[in-house]
Amino acid sequence: MKMNNFLNTLKKEEKLELVEQSGEICDSYSRKSANCLKSAKLLLQNNLFENSIGMSYYAMYNLLIALLFRVGIKCENHSDSILLLKLLFSENELYKLISDAKKERIDKQYYVITEKDEMTKNIANELLNDAEDFVLKIKVVIQNLNNDSIDEIREKFESLVG
């Protein structure tokens, strides 16, 4: 019930809704994702670990948004977009990857790190690898979409949100 209340609240605020399917917007967010992935690599190479972590997360998030627009769902909330990956697409492994990446991004973005330690470097490396994996797998999901699967996903969305 709590989850449905959250989804319904976002729908009432027009932050979550069915929209026209858009390959164009999907492509635009896919390019943003690719640029974030490139940035994450460059930042990591230059020992800017916290920033690399953020870009790895946004590489995942932007491609998730691309997927949602491809099926005609607009969502303006990070947590809800991530939840929809699990609820509508049954991608539990990818849900875990992006959820963990979001937590790391928040930790590194909003909390001061006094030293650039080996642990942060390892996290940045791991998240970059996770982002690359996530991106490849979501691209496959997007490529495998067809009219029937899109209709099914939109129907699931309607039953969840009303």
N, C-alpha and C. Protein backbone atom coordinates (compact mmCIF):
# COMPACT_ATOMS: atom_id res chain seq x y z
N MET A 1 0.81 -1.20 0.00
CA MET A 1 0.00 0.00 0.00
C MET A 1 0.86 1.27 0.00
N LYS A 2 1.91 1.28 0.81
CA LYS A 2 2.75 2.47 0.90
C LYS A 2 3.33 2.83 -0.47
N MET A 3 3.78 1.79 -1.22
CA MET A 3 4.36 2.01 -2.53
C MET A 3 3.31 2.60 -3.46
N ASN A 4 2.10 2.05 -3.45
CA ASN A 4 1.05 2.57 -4.32
C ASN A 4 0.70 4.00 -3.97
N ASN A 5 0.71 4.35 -2.68
CA ASN A 5 0.47 5.73 -2.27
C ASN A 5 1.52 6.66 -2.86
N PHE A 6 2.78 6.22 -2.81
CA PHE A 6 3.88 7.00 -3.36
C PHE A 6 3.69 7.21 -4.87
N LEU A 7 3.37 6.13 -5.58
CA LEU A 7 3.15 6.22 -7.02
C LEU A 7 1.95 7.12 -7.33
N ASN A 8 0.88 6.96 -6.57
CA ASN A 8 -0.32 7.78 -6.81
C ASN A 8 -0.07 9.25 -6.53
N THR A 9 0.71 9.54 -5.49
CA THR A 9 1.06 10.93 -5.19
C THR A 9 1.82 11.55 -6.34
N LEU A 10 2.80 10.82 -6.86
CA LEU A 10 3.57 11.34 -8.00
C LEU A 10 2.68 11.54 -9.22
N LYS A 11 1.74 10.64 -9.42
CA LYS A 11 0.82 10.79 -10.56
C LYS A 11 -0.04 12.04 -10.39
N LYS A 12 -0.55 12.26 -9.19
CA LYS A 12 -1.38 13.45 -8.94
C LYS A 12 -0.58 14.73 -9.17
N GLU A 13 0.71 14.69 -8.85
CA GLU A 13 1.59 15.85 -9.05
C GLU A 13 2.09 15.95 -10.49
N GLU A 14 1.63 15.05 -11.34
CA GLU A 14 2.03 14.97 -12.76
C GLU A 14 3.53 14.76 -12.93
N LYS A 15 4.13 14.08 -11.98
CA LYS A 15 5.55 13.72 -12.07
C LYS A 15 5.72 12.28 -12.55
N LEU A 16 4.59 11.60 -12.72
CA LEU A 16 4.58 10.22 -13.19
C LEU A 16 3.33 10.04 -14.03
N GLU A 17 3.54 9.77 -15.34
CA GLU A 17 2.37 9.64 -16.21
C GLU A 17 2.71 8.92 -17.50
N LEU A 18 1.66 8.39 -18.11
CA LEU A 18 1.80 7.83 -19.44
C LEU A 18 1.85 8.98 -20.42
N VAL A 19 2.78 8.88 -21.36
CA VAL A 19 2.92 9.88 -22.41
C VAL A 19 3.06 9.12 -23.74
N GLU A 20 3.14 9.86 -24.81
CA GLU A 20 3.36 9.22 -26.10
C GLU A 20 4.74 8.57 -26.11
N GLN A 21 4.82 7.37 -26.66
CA GLN A 21 6.12 6.69 -26.79
C GLN A 21 7.02 7.55 -27.68
N SER A 22 8.31 7.61 -27.31
CA SER A 22 9.20 8.46 -28.09
C SER A 22 10.56 7.83 -28.29
N GLY A 23 10.81 7.37 -29.50
CA GLY A 23 12.14 6.89 -29.86
C GLY A 23 13.15 8.02 -29.86
N GLU A 24 12.69 9.22 -30.22
CA GLU A 24 13.58 10.38 -30.27
C GLU A 24 14.09 10.75 -28.88
N ILE A 25 13.21 10.81 -27.92
CA ILE A 25 13.63 11.13 -26.54
C ILE A 25 14.48 9.99 -26.00
N CYS A 26 14.11 8.76 -26.32
CA CYS A 26 14.90 7.60 -25.92
C CYS A 26 16.33 7.74 -26.44
N ASP A 27 16.48 8.10 -27.71
CA ASP A 27 17.81 8.27 -28.30
C ASP A 27 18.59 9.39 -27.63
N SER A 28 17.90 10.47 -27.31
CA SER A 28 18.55 11.62 -26.65
C SER A 28 19.10 11.23 -25.28
N TYR A 29 18.30 10.53 -24.49
CA TYR A 29 18.77 10.08 -23.17
C TYR A 29 19.84 9.00 -23.30
N SER A 30 19.79 8.21 -24.36
CA SER A 30 20.85 7.22 -24.60
C SER A 30 22.19 7.91 -24.85
N ARG A 31 22.15 9.00 -25.61
CA ARG A 31 23.39 9.77 -25.85
C ARG A 31 23.90 10.38 -24.55
N LYS A 32 22.98 10.91 -23.74
CA LYS A 32 23.39 11.46 -22.44
C LYS A 32 24.06 10.38 -21.59
N SER A 33 23.49 9.19 -21.61
CA SER A 33 24.05 8.08 -20.86
C SER A 33 25.46 7.76 -21.33
N ALA A 34 25.65 7.70 -22.64
CA ALA A 34 26.98 7.40 -23.20
C ALA A 34 27.99 8.47 -22.79
N ASN A 35 27.56 9.73 -22.79
CA ASN A 35 28.46 10.81 -22.38
C ASN A 35 28.82 10.72 -20.90
N CYS A 36 27.86 10.35 -20.09
CA CYS A 36 28.13 10.17 -18.66
C CYS A 36 29.13 9.04 -18.43
N LEU A 37 29.00 7.97 -19.19
CA LEU A 37 29.92 6.84 -19.07
C LEU A 37 31.33 7.26 -19.46
N LYS A 38 31.45 8.02 -20.54
CA LYS A 38 32.77 8.54 -20.95
C LYS A 38 33.34 9.43 -19.86
N SER A 39 32.51 10.30 -19.31
CA SER A 39 32.95 11.21 -18.25
C SER A 39 33.41 10.43 -17.02
N ALA A 40 32.66 9.40 -16.65
CA ALA A 40 33.03 8.59 -15.49
C ALA A 40 34.41 7.99 -15.67
N LYS A 41 34.70 7.50 -16.87
CA LYS A 41 36.03 6.92 -17.15
C LYS A 41 37.12 7.97 -17.03
N LEU A 42 36.89 9.14 -17.64
CA LEU A 42 37.90 10.20 -17.59
C LEU A 42 38.14 10.69 -16.17
N LEU A 43 37.06 10.85 -15.42
CA LEU A 43 37.19 11.30 -14.03
C LEU A 43 37.95 10.28 -13.20
N LEU A 44 37.67 9.01 -13.40
CA LEU A 44 38.37 7.96 -12.68
C LEU A 44 39.86 7.97 -13.02
N GLN A 45 40.18 8.12 -14.29
CA GLN A 45 41.58 8.17 -14.73
C GLN A 45 42.34 9.34 -14.11
N ASN A 46 41.59 10.39 -13.76
CA ASN A 46 42.20 11.58 -13.18
C ASN A 46 42.01 11.66 -11.67
N ASN A 47 41.73 10.52 -11.05
CA ASN A 47 41.60 10.40 -9.59
C ASN A 47 40.51 11.28 -8.99
N LEU A 48 39.49 11.56 -9.75
CA LEU A 48 38.33 12.30 -9.24
C LEU A 48 37.22 11.28 -8.98
N PHE A 49 37.44 10.52 -7.92
CA PHE A 49 36.63 9.34 -7.65
C PHE A 49 35.17 9.65 -7.36
N GLU A 50 34.91 10.65 -6.51
CA GLU A 50 33.53 10.98 -6.15
C GLU A 50 32.74 11.39 -7.39
N ASN A 51 33.37 12.20 -8.25
CA ASN A 51 32.71 12.66 -9.47
C ASN A 51 32.48 11.49 -10.43
N SER A 52 33.42 10.58 -10.50
CA SER A 52 33.27 9.40 -11.34
C SER A 52 32.08 8.56 -10.88
N ILE A 53 31.93 8.43 -9.59
CA ILE A 53 30.80 7.68 -9.03
C ILE A 53 29.48 8.31 -9.46
N GLY A 54 29.40 9.63 -9.38
CA GLY A 54 28.19 10.33 -9.81
C GLY A 54 27.88 10.10 -11.28
N MET A 55 28.89 10.20 -12.10
CA MET A 55 28.69 10.01 -13.54
C MET A 55 28.33 8.56 -13.89
N SER A 56 28.88 7.60 -13.15
CA SER A 56 28.50 6.20 -13.38
C SER A 56 27.02 6.01 -13.08
N TYR A 57 26.56 6.61 -11.98
CA TYR A 57 25.14 6.53 -11.64
C TYR A 57 24.30 7.17 -12.74
N TYR A 58 24.69 8.37 -13.19
CA TYR A 58 23.89 9.06 -14.19
C TYR A 58 23.92 8.36 -15.55
N ALA A 59 24.97 7.61 -15.84
CA ALA A 59 24.98 6.79 -17.06
C ALA A 59 23.85 5.77 -16.98
N MET A 60 23.67 5.18 -15.80
CA MET A 60 22.59 4.21 -15.59
C MET A 60 21.23 4.89 -15.62
N TYR A 61 21.12 5.96 -14.86
CA TYR A 61 19.83 6.64 -14.71
C TYR A 61 19.32 7.18 -16.04
N ASN A 62 20.20 7.82 -16.81
CA ASN A 62 19.76 8.37 -18.10
C ASN A 62 19.28 7.28 -19.05
N LEU A 63 19.92 6.13 -19.02
CA LEU A 63 19.46 5.05 -19.89
C LEU A 63 18.15 4.45 -19.38
N LEU A 64 17.96 4.45 -18.08
CA LEU A 64 16.67 4.03 -17.53
C LEU A 64 15.56 4.97 -18.00
N ILE A 65 15.83 6.27 -17.98
CA ILE A 65 14.85 7.25 -18.46
C ILE A 65 14.58 7.03 -19.95
N ALA A 66 15.64 6.71 -20.71
CA ALA A 66 15.47 6.40 -22.13
C ALA A 66 14.49 5.23 -22.30
N LEU A 67 14.67 4.19 -21.50
CA LEU A 67 13.79 3.02 -21.56
C LEU A 67 12.35 3.41 -21.25
N LEU A 68 12.17 4.21 -20.21
CA LEU A 68 10.82 4.61 -19.83
C LEU A 68 10.14 5.41 -20.94
N PHE A 69 10.86 6.36 -21.54
CA PHE A 69 10.27 7.13 -22.63
C PHE A 69 9.99 6.25 -23.85
N ARG A 70 10.80 5.24 -24.05
CA ARG A 70 10.59 4.33 -25.19
C ARG A 70 9.24 3.63 -25.08
N VAL A 71 8.81 3.35 -23.83
CA VAL A 71 7.50 2.72 -23.64
C VAL A 71 6.41 3.73 -23.32
N GLY A 72 6.77 5.02 -23.27
CA GLY A 72 5.78 6.06 -23.05
C GLY A 72 5.45 6.33 -21.60
N ILE A 73 6.48 6.32 -20.75
CA ILE A 73 6.29 6.66 -19.34
C ILE A 73 7.22 7.81 -18.99
N LYS A 74 6.64 8.87 -18.44
CA LYS A 74 7.44 9.99 -17.96
C LYS A 74 7.48 9.91 -16.44
N CYS A 75 8.68 9.95 -15.89
CA CYS A 75 8.83 9.90 -14.44
C CYS A 75 9.90 10.90 -14.03
N GLU A 76 9.56 11.80 -13.13
CA GLU A 76 10.48 12.85 -12.71
C GLU A 76 11.06 12.59 -11.32
N ASN A 77 11.07 11.36 -10.89
CA ASN A 77 11.57 11.02 -9.57
C ASN A 77 12.54 9.84 -9.69
N HIS A 78 13.76 10.02 -9.20
CA HIS A 78 14.78 8.98 -9.32
C HIS A 78 14.34 7.67 -8.69
N SER A 79 13.90 7.72 -7.44
CA SER A 79 13.53 6.49 -6.73
C SER A 79 12.40 5.76 -7.43
N ASP A 80 11.42 6.51 -7.91
CA ASP A 80 10.28 5.90 -8.58
C ASP A 80 10.69 5.30 -9.92
N SER A 81 11.55 5.99 -10.66
CA SER A 81 12.03 5.44 -11.94
C SER A 81 12.73 4.11 -11.71
N ILE A 82 13.54 4.07 -10.68
CA ILE A 82 14.27 2.84 -10.35
C ILE A 82 13.29 1.73 -9.94
N LEU A 83 12.30 2.09 -9.15
CA LEU A 83 11.28 1.12 -8.74
C LEU A 83 10.52 0.56 -9.94
N LEU A 84 10.24 1.41 -10.92
CA LEU A 84 9.53 0.96 -12.11
C LEU A 84 10.33 -0.07 -12.90
N LEU A 85 11.65 0.03 -12.84
CA LEU A 85 12.49 -0.96 -13.51
C LEU A 85 12.19 -2.36 -12.96
N LYS A 86 11.98 -2.42 -11.67
CA LYS A 86 11.68 -3.70 -11.02
C LYS A 86 10.23 -4.12 -11.25
N LEU A 87 9.31 -3.19 -11.06
CA LEU A 87 7.89 -3.53 -11.11
C LEU A 87 7.37 -3.79 -12.52
N LEU A 88 7.84 -3.03 -13.49
CA LEU A 88 7.31 -3.15 -14.85
C LEU A 88 8.13 -4.07 -15.75
N PHE A 89 9.43 -4.12 -15.49
CA PHE A 89 10.32 -4.87 -16.38
C PHE A 89 10.89 -6.13 -15.72
N SER A 90 10.62 -6.30 -14.43
CA SER A 90 11.10 -7.47 -13.66
C SER A 90 12.61 -7.65 -13.77
N GLU A 91 13.33 -6.53 -13.78
CA GLU A 91 14.80 -6.56 -13.88
C GLU A 91 15.39 -6.39 -12.49
N ASN A 92 15.30 -7.44 -11.67
CA ASN A 92 15.73 -7.36 -10.28
C ASN A 92 17.23 -7.13 -10.13
N GLU A 93 18.03 -7.78 -10.96
CA GLU A 93 19.49 -7.60 -10.88
C GLU A 93 19.87 -6.16 -11.24
N LEU A 94 19.27 -5.63 -12.29
CA LEU A 94 19.57 -4.26 -12.70
C LEU A 94 19.02 -3.26 -11.69
N TYR A 95 17.88 -3.59 -11.10
CA TYR A 95 17.31 -2.76 -10.03
C TYR A 95 18.31 -2.63 -8.88
N LYS A 96 18.93 -3.73 -8.51
CA LYS A 96 19.92 -3.71 -7.42
C LYS A 96 21.14 -2.89 -7.81
N LEU A 97 21.62 -3.06 -9.03
CA LEU A 97 22.80 -2.30 -9.48
C LEU A 97 22.56 -0.80 -9.40
N ILE A 98 21.45 -0.34 -9.95
CA ILE A 98 21.20 1.10 -9.97
C ILE A 98 20.83 1.62 -8.58
N SER A 99 20.16 0.82 -7.77
CA SER A 99 19.84 1.24 -6.39
C SER A 99 21.12 1.44 -5.59
N ASP A 100 22.05 0.50 -5.70
CA ASP A 100 23.33 0.62 -5.00
C ASP A 100 24.12 1.82 -5.51
N ALA A 101 24.10 2.03 -6.82
CA ALA A 101 24.81 3.17 -7.40
C ALA A 101 24.23 4.49 -6.91
N LYS A 102 22.91 4.54 -6.77
CA LYS A 102 22.26 5.76 -6.28
C LYS A 102 22.71 6.06 -4.85
N LYS A 103 22.75 5.03 -4.02
CA LYS A 103 23.20 5.22 -2.63
C LYS A 103 24.63 5.75 -2.58
N GLU A 104 25.50 5.17 -3.39
CA GLU A 104 26.89 5.63 -3.43
C GLU A 104 26.99 7.07 -3.92
N ARG A 105 26.21 7.40 -4.95
CA ARG A 105 26.24 8.77 -5.47
C ARG A 105 25.81 9.75 -4.40
N ILE A 106 24.76 9.43 -3.69
CA ILE A 106 24.27 10.33 -2.63
C ILE A 106 25.33 10.48 -1.54
N ASP A 107 25.92 9.37 -1.12
CA ASP A 107 26.98 9.44 -0.09
C ASP A 107 28.12 10.34 -0.53
N LYS A 108 28.56 10.18 -1.77
CA LYS A 108 29.74 10.93 -2.23
C LYS A 108 29.39 12.37 -2.58
N GLN A 109 28.14 12.61 -3.00
CA GLN A 109 27.76 13.96 -3.40
C GLN A 109 27.43 14.85 -2.20
N TYR A 110 26.81 14.28 -1.18
CA TYR A 110 26.30 15.10 -0.09
C TYR A 110 27.10 15.03 1.20
N TYR A 111 28.06 14.13 1.28
CA TYR A 111 28.85 14.01 2.50
C TYR A 111 30.31 14.24 2.18
N VAL A 112 30.99 14.95 3.06
CA VAL A 112 32.38 15.30 2.84
C VAL A 112 33.28 14.09 3.08
N ILE A 113 34.16 13.87 2.14
CA ILE A 113 35.17 12.82 2.28
C ILE A 113 36.49 13.53 2.52
N THR A 114 37.11 13.23 3.65
CA THR A 114 38.30 13.98 4.04
C THR A 114 39.55 13.55 3.28
N GLU A 115 39.57 12.33 2.78
CA GLU A 115 40.73 11.90 2.02
C GLU A 115 40.30 10.98 0.88
N LYS A 116 41.05 11.04 -0.19
CA LYS A 116 40.77 10.18 -1.34
C LYS A 116 41.44 8.84 -1.09
N ASP A 117 40.75 7.97 -0.44
CA ASP A 117 41.36 6.71 -0.05
C ASP A 117 41.16 5.61 -1.10
N GLU A 118 41.83 4.53 -0.88
CA GLU A 118 41.77 3.39 -1.79
C GLU A 118 40.36 2.82 -1.89
N MET A 119 39.61 2.90 -0.79
CA MET A 119 38.25 2.37 -0.77
C MET A 119 37.36 3.13 -1.77
N THR A 120 37.46 4.46 -1.79
CA THR A 120 36.67 5.26 -2.72
C THR A 120 37.07 4.95 -4.16
N LYS A 121 38.35 4.76 -4.39
CA LYS A 121 38.83 4.39 -5.73
C LYS A 121 38.23 3.05 -6.14
N ASN A 122 38.23 2.10 -5.23
CA ASN A 122 37.66 0.78 -5.53
C ASN A 122 36.17 0.86 -5.83
N ILE A 123 35.46 1.68 -5.06
CA ILE A 123 34.02 1.87 -5.29
C ILE A 123 33.80 2.49 -6.67
N ALA A 124 34.61 3.48 -7.02
CA ALA A 124 34.48 4.13 -8.32
C ALA A 124 34.73 3.13 -9.45
N ASN A 125 35.75 2.30 -9.30
CA ASN A 125 36.03 1.26 -10.30
C ASN A 125 34.87 0.28 -10.43
N GLU A 126 34.37 -0.16 -9.29
CA GLU A 126 33.27 -1.12 -9.28
C GLU A 126 32.01 -0.53 -9.91
N LEU A 127 31.72 0.72 -9.57
CA LEU A 127 30.51 1.35 -10.12
C LEU A 127 30.64 1.58 -11.62
N LEU A 128 31.83 1.90 -12.09
CA LEU A 128 32.03 2.06 -13.52
C LEU A 128 31.77 0.73 -14.23
N ASN A 129 32.28 -0.35 -13.68
CA ASN A 129 32.01 -1.68 -14.26
C ASN A 129 30.52 -2.01 -14.22
N ASP A 130 29.88 -1.69 -13.09
CA ASP A 130 28.44 -1.93 -12.97
C ASP A 130 27.66 -1.10 -14.00
N ALA A 131 28.09 0.15 -14.18
CA ALA A 131 27.41 1.03 -15.14
C ALA A 131 27.54 0.48 -16.55
N GLU A 132 28.72 0.00 -16.90
CA GLU A 132 28.91 -0.58 -18.24
C GLU A 132 28.00 -1.80 -18.43
N ASP A 133 27.91 -2.63 -17.41
CA ASP A 133 27.06 -3.82 -17.45
C ASP A 133 25.59 -3.42 -17.58
N PHE A 134 25.18 -2.48 -16.75
CA PHE A 134 23.80 -2.00 -16.74
C PHE A 134 23.42 -1.45 -18.11
N VAL A 135 24.29 -0.61 -18.66
CA VAL A 135 24.03 0.03 -19.95
C VAL A 135 23.85 -1.03 -21.04
N LEU A 136 24.73 -1.99 -21.09
CA LEU A 136 24.61 -3.04 -22.10
C LEU A 136 23.30 -3.80 -21.97
N LYS A 137 22.94 -4.15 -20.75
CA LYS A 137 21.73 -4.94 -20.53
C LYS A 137 20.46 -4.15 -20.80
N ILE A 138 20.44 -2.87 -20.45
CA ILE A 138 19.25 -2.05 -20.73
C ILE A 138 19.12 -1.81 -22.23
N LYS A 139 20.24 -1.66 -22.93
CA LYS A 139 20.17 -1.52 -24.39
C LYS A 139 19.52 -2.75 -25.02
N VAL A 140 19.81 -3.92 -24.48
CA VAL A 140 19.18 -5.15 -24.98
C VAL A 140 17.68 -5.12 -24.70
N VAL A 141 17.30 -4.68 -23.50
CA VAL A 141 15.88 -4.57 -23.17
C VAL A 141 15.18 -3.65 -24.16
N ILE A 142 15.79 -2.49 -24.43
CA ILE A 142 15.20 -1.52 -25.36
C ILE A 142 15.08 -2.14 -26.76
N GLN A 143 16.12 -2.80 -27.21
CA GLN A 143 16.10 -3.41 -28.55
C GLN A 143 15.05 -4.51 -28.68
N ASN A 144 14.77 -5.19 -27.60
CA ASN A 144 13.82 -6.30 -27.64
C ASN A 144 12.37 -5.87 -27.50
N LEU A 145 12.14 -4.58 -27.27
CA LEU A 145 10.76 -4.10 -27.15
C LEU A 145 10.05 -4.20 -28.50
N ASN A 146 8.78 -4.57 -28.42
CA ASN A 146 7.93 -4.55 -29.61
C ASN A 146 6.57 -4.01 -29.18
N ASN A 147 5.67 -3.83 -30.12
CA ASN A 147 4.37 -3.23 -29.79
C ASN A 147 3.63 -4.01 -28.72
N ASP A 148 3.67 -5.32 -28.78
CA ASP A 148 2.97 -6.14 -27.79
C ASP A 148 3.57 -5.97 -26.40
N SER A 149 4.90 -6.01 -26.30
CA SER A 149 5.53 -5.87 -24.98
C SER A 149 5.34 -4.47 -24.43
N ILE A 150 5.35 -3.46 -25.30
CA ILE A 150 5.11 -2.09 -24.85
C ILE A 150 3.68 -1.96 -24.32
N ASP A 151 2.72 -2.51 -25.04
CA ASP A 151 1.32 -2.47 -24.58
C ASP A 151 1.18 -3.16 -23.22
N GLU A 152 1.84 -4.29 -23.06
CA GLU A 152 1.78 -5.03 -21.80
C GLU A 152 2.37 -4.20 -20.65
N ILE A 153 3.48 -3.54 -20.89
CA ILE A 153 4.13 -2.70 -19.87
C ILE A 153 3.23 -1.53 -19.50
N ARG A 154 2.63 -0.91 -20.49
CA ARG A 154 1.73 0.22 -20.23
C ARG A 154 0.50 -0.23 -19.44
N GLU A 155 0.00 -1.42 -19.73
CA GLU A 155 -1.13 -1.96 -18.96
C GLU A 155 -0.73 -2.23 -17.51
N LYS A 156 0.46 -2.78 -17.31
CA LYS A 156 0.97 -2.99 -15.95
C LYS A 156 1.06 -1.67 -15.20
N PHE A 157 1.56 -0.65 -15.89
CA PHE A 157 1.69 0.69 -15.30
C PHE A 157 0.32 1.19 -14.86
N GLU A 158 -0.67 1.08 -15.74
CA GLU A 158 -2.02 1.54 -15.41
C GLU A 158 -2.58 0.80 -14.20
N SER A 159 -2.33 -0.50 -14.11
CA SER A 159 -2.85 -1.26 -12.97
C SER A 159 -2.14 -0.89 -11.67
N LEU A 160 -0.87 -0.49 -11.77
CA LEU A 160 -0.12 -0.07 -10.58
C LEU A 160 -0.54 1.31 -10.10
N VAL A 161 -0.69 2.21 -11.04
CA VAL A 161 -0.88 3.62 -10.70
C VAL A 161 -2.34 4.05 -10.80
N GLY A 162 -3.09 3.40 -11.65
CA GLY A 162 -4.50 3.74 -11.80
C GLY A 162 -4.76 4.82 -12.81
